Amino acid sequence: MARINSFSIVMAMFFAYGLVVLSPGLASRVILESISKSPNVPNIEFLVACSKKLTPDCGESIFMNIFGNASKPISDHCCHLLVATGRPCHNGLVNNIINRVPGYKTNETITRPRSVQIWNKCALVA
């Protein structure tokens, strides 16, 4: 539960990351937070560009399936968008959140395999 509360705080800044065009949801705040804590990351422009390739709803769905407890699977449409971003984008965004946002590193053994499973499922759909 503490993770969800800190997650909500983090999400407020999350999508300045490039998902500024997205809704002010949980995922967007986390992405903004991860980017704001990463001003010297050499690939920051790459990550911002990657985040802009997803719609707000798809970004939220993918995020919640990796980092949250989503009960709804990722739609085929969102899978197509995810695969269109490319695996380097997907991995870069996931790595940035895990490494830069407090509270996400502790669940890395759960979230990294979820990330791979989601990518593999979406790659089959796309």
C-alpha atoms as a PDB file:
ATOM      1  CA  MET A   1       0.000   0.000   0.000  1.00  0.00           C
ATOM      2  CA  ALA A   2       2.888   2.372   0.748  1.00  0.00           C
ATOM      3  CA  ARG A   3       4.163   1.754  -2.755  1.00  0.00           C
ATOM      4  CA  ILE A   4       0.842   2.886  -4.214  1.00  0.00           C
ATOM      5  CA  ASN A   5       0.854   6.088  -2.116  1.00  0.00           C
ATOM      6  CA  SER A   6       4.420   7.020  -3.066  1.00  0.00           C
ATOM      7  CA  PHE A   7       3.538   6.039  -6.601  1.00  0.00           C
ATOM      8  CA  SER A   8       0.705   8.562  -6.661  1.00  0.00           C
ATOM      9  CA  ILE A   9       3.023  11.319  -5.524  1.00  0.00           C
ATOM     10  CA  VAL A  10       5.617  10.334  -8.092  1.00  0.00           C
ATOM     11  CA  MET A  11       3.033  10.209 -10.845  1.00  0.00           C
ATOM     12  CA  ALA A  12       2.251  13.921 -10.553  1.00  0.00           C
ATOM     13  CA  MET A  13       5.475  14.650 -12.391  1.00  0.00           C
ATOM     14  CA  PHE A  14       5.607  11.425 -14.386  1.00  0.00           C
ATOM     15  CA  PHE A  15       4.551  12.377 -17.860  1.00  0.00           C
ATOM     16  CA  ALA A  16       6.486  15.558 -18.402  1.00  0.00           C
ATOM     17  CA  TYR A  17       8.800  12.868 -19.526  1.00  0.00           C
ATOM     18  CA  GLY A  18       7.271  13.026 -22.907  1.00  0.00           C
ATOM     19  CA  LEU A  19       3.901  11.734 -22.009  1.00  0.00           C
ATOM     20  CA  VAL A  20       2.794  15.267 -21.374  1.00  0.00           C
ATOM     21  CA  VAL A  21       0.247  14.599 -24.039  1.00  0.00           C
ATOM     22  CA  LEU A  22      -1.112  11.792 -21.909  1.00  0.00           C
ATOM     23  CA  SER A  23      -3.667  11.946 -19.185  1.00  0.00           C
ATOM     24  CA  PRO A  24      -2.550  12.992 -15.711  1.00  0.00           C
ATOM     25  CA  GLY A  25      -2.873   9.391 -14.555  1.00  0.00           C
ATOM     26  CA  LEU A  26      -0.659   7.310 -12.358  1.00  0.00           C
ATOM     27  CA  ALA A  27       1.634   6.155 -15.132  1.00  0.00           C
ATOM     28  CA  SER A  28       2.188   9.649 -16.440  1.00  0.00           C
ATOM     29  CA  ARG A  29       3.233  10.925 -13.029  1.00  0.00           C
ATOM     30  CA  VAL A  30       5.772   8.119 -12.583  1.00  0.00           C
ATOM     31  CA  ILE A  31       7.294   8.699 -15.993  1.00  0.00           C
ATOM     32  CA  LEU A  32       7.585  12.427 -15.284  1.00  0.00           C
ATOM     33  CA  GLU A  33       9.228  11.686 -11.981  1.00  0.00           C
ATOM     34  CA  SER A  34      11.699   9.288 -13.551  1.00  0.00           C
ATOM     35  CA  ILE A  35      12.642  11.851 -16.180  1.00  0.00           C
ATOM     36  CA  SER A  36      12.847  14.728 -13.733  1.00  0.00           C
ATOM     37  CA  LYS A  37      15.301  12.711 -11.654  1.00  0.00           C
ATOM     38  CA  SER A  38      17.334  11.951 -14.762  1.00  0.00           C
ATOM     39  CA  PRO A  39      18.366  15.303 -16.239  1.00  0.00           C
ATOM     40  CA  ASN A  40      21.875  14.061 -16.970  1.00  0.00           C
ATOM     41  CA  VAL A  41      20.862  10.746 -18.487  1.00  0.00           C
ATOM     42  CA  PRO A  42      22.525  10.671 -21.913  1.00  0.00           C
ATOM     43  CA  ASN A  43      19.475   9.188 -23.612  1.00  0.00           C
ATOM     44  CA  ILE A  44      16.866  11.462 -22.062  1.00  0.00           C
ATOM     45  CA  GLU A  45      15.753  12.809 -25.446  1.00  0.00           C
ATOM     46  CA  PHE A  46      15.379   9.237 -26.673  1.00  0.00           C
ATOM     47  CA  LEU A  47      13.180   8.345 -23.695  1.00  0.00           C
ATOM     48  CA  VAL A  48      11.047  11.448 -24.140  1.00  0.00           C
ATOM     49  CA  ALA A  49      10.549  10.600 -27.816  1.00  0.00           C
ATOM     50  CA  CYS A  50       9.652   7.025 -26.878  1.00  0.00           C
ATOM     51  CA  SER A  51       7.038   8.132 -24.374  1.00  0.00           C
ATOM     52  CA  LYS A  52       5.318  10.286 -26.984  1.00  0.00           C
ATOM     53  CA  LYS A  53       4.642   7.261 -29.178  1.00  0.00           C
ATOM     54  CA  LEU A  54       1.971   5.849 -26.856  1.00  0.00           C
ATOM     55  CA  THR A  55      -1.528   7.159 -26.241  1.00  0.00           C
ATOM     56  CA  PRO A  56      -2.426   8.094 -22.656  1.00  0.00           C
ATOM     57  CA  ASP A  57      -4.710   5.076 -22.271  1.00  0.00           C
ATOM     58  CA  CYS A  58      -2.147   2.664 -23.691  1.00  0.00           C
ATOM     59  CA  GLY A  59       0.669   4.131 -21.612  1.00  0.00           C
ATOM     60  CA  GLU A  60      -1.446   3.726 -18.486  1.00  0.00           C
ATOM     61  CA  SER A  61      -2.472   0.180 -19.384  1.00  0.00           C
ATOM     62  CA  ILE A  62       1.083  -0.955 -20.134  1.00  0.00           C
ATOM     63  CA  PHE A  63       2.415   0.744 -17.019  1.00  0.00           C
ATOM     64  CA  MET A  64      -0.207  -0.820 -14.737  1.00  0.00           C
ATOM     65  CA  ASN A  65       0.369  -4.266 -16.221  1.00  0.00           C
ATOM     66  CA  ILE A  66       4.088  -4.001 -15.521  1.00  0.00           C
ATOM     67  CA  PHE A  67       4.250  -2.039 -12.270  1.00  0.00           C
ATOM     68  CA  GLY A  68       0.756  -2.301 -10.841  1.00  0.00           C
ATOM     69  CA  ASN A  69      -1.902  -4.898 -10.327  1.00  0.00           C
ATOM     70  CA  ALA A  70      -3.911  -4.417 -13.490  1.00  0.00           C
ATOM     71  CA  SER A  71      -6.876  -6.714 -13.827  1.00  0.00           C
ATOM     72  CA  LYS A  72      -7.433  -5.848 -17.487  1.00  0.00           C
ATOM     73  CA  PRO A  73      -5.013  -7.185 -20.102  1.00  0.00           C
ATOM     74  CA  ILE A  74      -3.350  -4.856 -22.596  1.00  0.00           C
ATOM     75  CA  SER A  75      -5.495  -4.409 -25.696  1.00  0.00           C
ATOM     76  CA  ASP A  76      -4.308  -5.478 -29.129  1.00  0.00           C
ATOM     77  CA  HIS A  77      -4.299  -1.817 -30.172  1.00  0.00           C
ATOM     78  CA  CYS A  78      -1.953  -0.928 -27.311  1.00  0.00           C
ATOM     79  CA  CYS A  79       0.235  -3.910 -28.161  1.00  0.00           C
ATOM     80  CA  HIS A  80       0.564  -2.622 -31.717  1.00  0.00           C
ATOM     81  CA  LEU A  81       1.609   0.801 -30.408  1.00  0.00           C
ATOM     82  CA  LEU A  82       4.077  -0.734 -27.952  1.00  0.00           C
ATOM     83  CA  VAL A  83       5.748  -2.858 -30.607  1.00  0.00           C
ATOM     84  CA  ALA A  84       5.842   0.142 -32.950  1.00  0.00           C
ATOM     85  CA  THR A  85       7.884   2.043 -30.332  1.00  0.00           C
ATOM     86  CA  GLY A  86      10.506  -0.706 -30.510  1.00  0.00           C
ATOM     87  CA  ARG A  87      12.127  -2.860 -27.893  1.00  0.00           C
ATOM     88  CA  PRO A  88      14.879  -0.337 -27.068  1.00  0.00           C
ATOM     89  CA  CYS A  89      12.175   2.213 -26.177  1.00  0.00           C
ATOM     90  CA  HIS A  90      10.247  -0.281 -24.073  1.00  0.00           C
ATOM     91  CA  ASN A  91      13.340  -1.452 -22.205  1.00  0.00           C
ATOM     92  CA  GLY A  92      14.637   2.091 -21.788  1.00  0.00           C
ATOM     93  CA  LEU A  93      11.415   3.341 -20.230  1.00  0.00           C
ATOM     94  CA  VAL A  94      11.138   0.360 -17.901  1.00  0.00           C
ATOM     95  CA  ASN A  95      14.797   0.612 -16.864  1.00  0.00           C
ATOM     96  CA  ASN A  96      14.512   4.329 -16.224  1.00  0.00           C
ATOM     97  CA  ILE A  97      11.516   3.871 -13.937  1.00  0.00           C
ATOM     98  CA  ILE A  98      13.110   0.990 -12.034  1.00  0.00           C
ATOM     99  CA  ASN A  99      16.423   2.790 -11.607  1.00  0.00           C
ATOM    100  CA  ARG A 100      15.221   6.346 -10.986  1.00  0.00           C
ATOM    101  CA  VAL A 101      11.906   6.267  -9.134  1.00  0.00           C
ATOM    102  CA  PRO A 102      11.993   5.328  -5.442  1.00  0.00           C
ATOM    103  CA  GLY A 103      10.080   2.180  -4.612  1.00  0.00           C
ATOM    104  CA  TYR A 104      10.330   0.477  -7.987  1.00  0.00           C
ATOM    105  CA  LYS A 105      13.786  -1.028  -7.569  1.00  0.00           C
ATOM    106  CA  THR A 106      12.542  -3.203  -4.694  1.00  0.00           C
ATOM    107  CA  ASN A 107      10.074  -5.017  -6.988  1.00  0.00           C
ATOM    108  CA  GLU A 108      12.503  -5.410  -9.865  1.00  0.00           C
ATOM    109  CA  THR A 109      12.428  -9.226  -9.687  1.00  0.00           C
ATOM    110  CA  ILE A 110       8.696  -9.052 -10.398  1.00  0.00           C
ATOM    111  CA  THR A 111       8.515  -6.127 -12.805  1.00  0.00           C
ATOM    112  CA  ARG A 112      11.338  -7.087 -15.166  1.00  0.00           C
ATOM    113  CA  PRO A 113       9.827 -10.508 -15.973  1.00  0.00           C
ATOM    114  CA  ARG A 114       6.408  -8.841 -16.405  1.00  0.00           C
ATOM    115  CA  SER A 115       7.973  -6.384 -18.821  1.00  0.00           C
ATOM    116  CA  VAL A 116       9.447  -9.225 -20.889  1.00  0.00           C
ATOM    117  CA  GLN A 117       6.148 -11.154 -20.827  1.00  0.00           C
ATOM    118  CA  ILE A 118       4.218  -8.104 -21.995  1.00  0.00           C
ATOM    119  CA  TRP A 119       6.697  -7.403 -24.774  1.00  0.00           C
ATOM    120  CA  ASN A 120       6.595 -11.040 -25.940  1.00  0.00           C
ATOM    121  CA  LYS A 121       2.782 -11.138 -25.857  1.00  0.00           C
ATOM    122  CA  CYS A 122       2.545  -7.861 -27.767  1.00  0.00           C
ATOM    123  CA  ALA A 123       5.135  -8.950 -30.308  1.00  0.00           C
ATOM    124  CA  LEU A 124       2.962 -11.989 -31.098  1.00  0.00           C
ATOM    125  CA  VAL A 125      -0.146  -9.833 -31.475  1.00  0.00           C
ATOM    126  CA  ALA A 126       1.464  -7.120 -33.620  1.00  0.00           C
END
